[in-house]
Amino acid sequence: MERGQQTVIQLADPFGRGWNLLGPGNRRVSYVLSTHPSVLATIKVGFVVTGHITAVIAAPDLFGG
């Protein structure tokens, strides 16, 4: 998310000339996930577990089990 924010802000001034083409040139990146690594770790583990549970539920339908 932070890299995406940086990308959008940099697209507003692609040549570093002080432009603000897309409007977000005066905004700052919100480093919420970098300052709370435990929240990021919890989110990642939650997505991995959810993906595995979904795969186990979907496997019999996909492979005729």
C-alpha atoms as a PDB file:
ATOM      1  CA  MET A   1       0.000   0.000   0.000  1.00  0.00           C
ATOM      2  CA  GLU A   2       2.814   2.363   0.811  1.00  0.00           C
ATOM      3  CA  ARG A   3       4.562   1.741  -2.503  1.00  0.00           C
ATOM      4  CA  GLY A   4       1.294   2.385  -4.312  1.00  0.00           C
ATOM      5  CA  GLN A   5       0.893   5.702  -2.539  1.00  0.00           C
ATOM      6  CA  GLN A   6       4.471   6.648  -3.433  1.00  0.00           C
ATOM      7  CA  THR A   7       3.832   5.741  -7.066  1.00  0.00           C
ATOM      8  CA  VAL A   8       0.717   7.903  -7.344  1.00  0.00           C
ATOM      9  CA  ILE A   9       2.467  10.847  -5.705  1.00  0.00           C
ATOM     10  CA  GLN A  10       5.462  10.477  -8.031  1.00  0.00           C
ATOM     11  CA  LEU A  11       3.170  10.259 -11.077  1.00  0.00           C
ATOM     12  CA  ALA A  12       1.879  13.718 -10.189  1.00  0.00           C
ATOM     13  CA  ASP A  13       5.370  15.118 -10.834  1.00  0.00           C
ATOM     14  CA  PRO A  14       7.192  12.603 -13.057  1.00  0.00           C
ATOM     15  CA  PHE A  15      10.117  14.895 -13.941  1.00  0.00           C
ATOM     16  CA  GLY A  16      10.601  16.566 -10.544  1.00  0.00           C
ATOM     17  CA  ARG A  17       9.687  20.023 -11.850  1.00  0.00           C
ATOM     18  CA  GLY A  18       7.140  20.925  -9.184  1.00  0.00           C
ATOM     19  CA  TRP A  19       4.138  19.869 -11.238  1.00  0.00           C
ATOM     20  CA  ASN A  20       0.960  18.501  -9.703  1.00  0.00           C
ATOM     21  CA  LEU A  21      -0.660  16.782 -12.688  1.00  0.00           C
ATOM     22  CA  LEU A  22      -2.985  14.372 -10.925  1.00  0.00           C
ATOM     23  CA  GLY A  23      -3.633  16.400  -7.774  1.00  0.00           C
ATOM     24  CA  PRO A  24      -1.940  14.317  -5.035  1.00  0.00           C
ATOM     25  CA  GLY A  25       1.446  16.037  -5.344  1.00  0.00           C
ATOM     26  CA  ASN A  26       1.081  17.787  -2.003  1.00  0.00           C
ATOM     27  CA  ARG A  27       0.116  14.645  -0.080  1.00  0.00           C
ATOM     28  CA  ARG A  28       2.337  12.452   2.068  1.00  0.00           C
ATOM     29  CA  VAL A  29       2.620   8.674   2.215  1.00  0.00           C
ATOM     30  CA  SER A  30       0.837   7.108   5.172  1.00  0.00           C
ATOM     31  CA  TYR A  31       3.236   4.595   6.724  1.00  0.00           C
ATOM     32  CA  VAL A  32       0.643   2.832   8.874  1.00  0.00           C
ATOM     33  CA  LEU A  33       1.790  -0.698   8.082  1.00  0.00           C
ATOM     34  CA  SER A  34       5.483   0.108   8.490  1.00  0.00           C
ATOM     35  CA  THR A  35       4.931   1.551  11.928  1.00  0.00           C
ATOM     36  CA  HIS A  36       2.785  -1.407  13.041  1.00  0.00           C
ATOM     37  CA  PRO A  37       4.569  -4.588  11.877  1.00  0.00           C
ATOM     38  CA  SER A  38       2.449  -6.817  14.103  1.00  0.00           C
ATOM     39  CA  VAL A  39      -0.699  -5.662  12.282  1.00  0.00           C
ATOM     40  CA  LEU A  40       0.932  -6.374   8.921  1.00  0.00           C
ATOM     41  CA  ALA A  41       2.041  -9.829  10.086  1.00  0.00           C
ATOM     42  CA  THR A  42      -1.465 -10.605  11.361  1.00  0.00           C
ATOM     43  CA  ILE A  43      -3.016  -9.540   8.058  1.00  0.00           C
ATOM     44  CA  LYS A  44      -0.564 -11.671   6.065  1.00  0.00           C
ATOM     45  CA  VAL A  45      -1.115 -14.764   8.211  1.00  0.00           C
ATOM     46  CA  GLY A  46      -4.871 -14.255   8.018  1.00  0.00           C
ATOM     47  CA  PHE A  47      -4.787 -14.134   4.214  1.00  0.00           C
ATOM     48  CA  VAL A  48      -2.599 -17.248   4.007  1.00  0.00           C
ATOM     49  CA  VAL A  49      -4.867 -19.214   6.357  1.00  0.00           C
ATOM     50  CA  THR A  50      -7.988 -18.018   4.534  1.00  0.00           C
ATOM     51  CA  GLY A  51      -6.457 -19.013   1.194  1.00  0.00           C
ATOM     52  CA  HIS A  52      -5.621 -22.484   2.446  1.00  0.00           C
ATOM     53  CA  ILE A  53      -9.093 -23.001   3.900  1.00  0.00           C
ATOM     54  CA  THR A  54     -10.674 -21.828   0.641  1.00  0.00           C
ATOM     55  CA  ALA A  55      -8.462 -24.208  -1.352  1.00  0.00           C
ATOM     56  CA  VAL A  56      -9.384 -27.161   0.857  1.00  0.00           C
ATOM     57  CA  ILE A  57     -13.086 -26.376   0.471  1.00  0.00           C
ATOM     58  CA  ALA A  58     -12.832 -25.838  -3.318  1.00  0.00           C
ATOM     59  CA  ALA A  59     -10.576 -28.820  -4.107  1.00  0.00           C
ATOM     60  CA  PRO A  60     -13.275 -31.532  -4.094  1.00  0.00           C
ATOM     61  CA  ASP A  61     -15.427 -29.499  -6.485  1.00  0.00           C
ATOM     62  CA  LEU A  62     -12.546 -28.830  -8.864  1.00  0.00           C
ATOM     63  CA  PHE A  63     -11.003 -32.296  -8.853  1.00  0.00           C
ATOM     64  CA  GLY A  64     -14.125 -34.439  -8.454  1.00  0.00           C
ATOM     65  CA  GLY A  65     -13.338 -35.706  -4.989  1.00  0.00           C
END
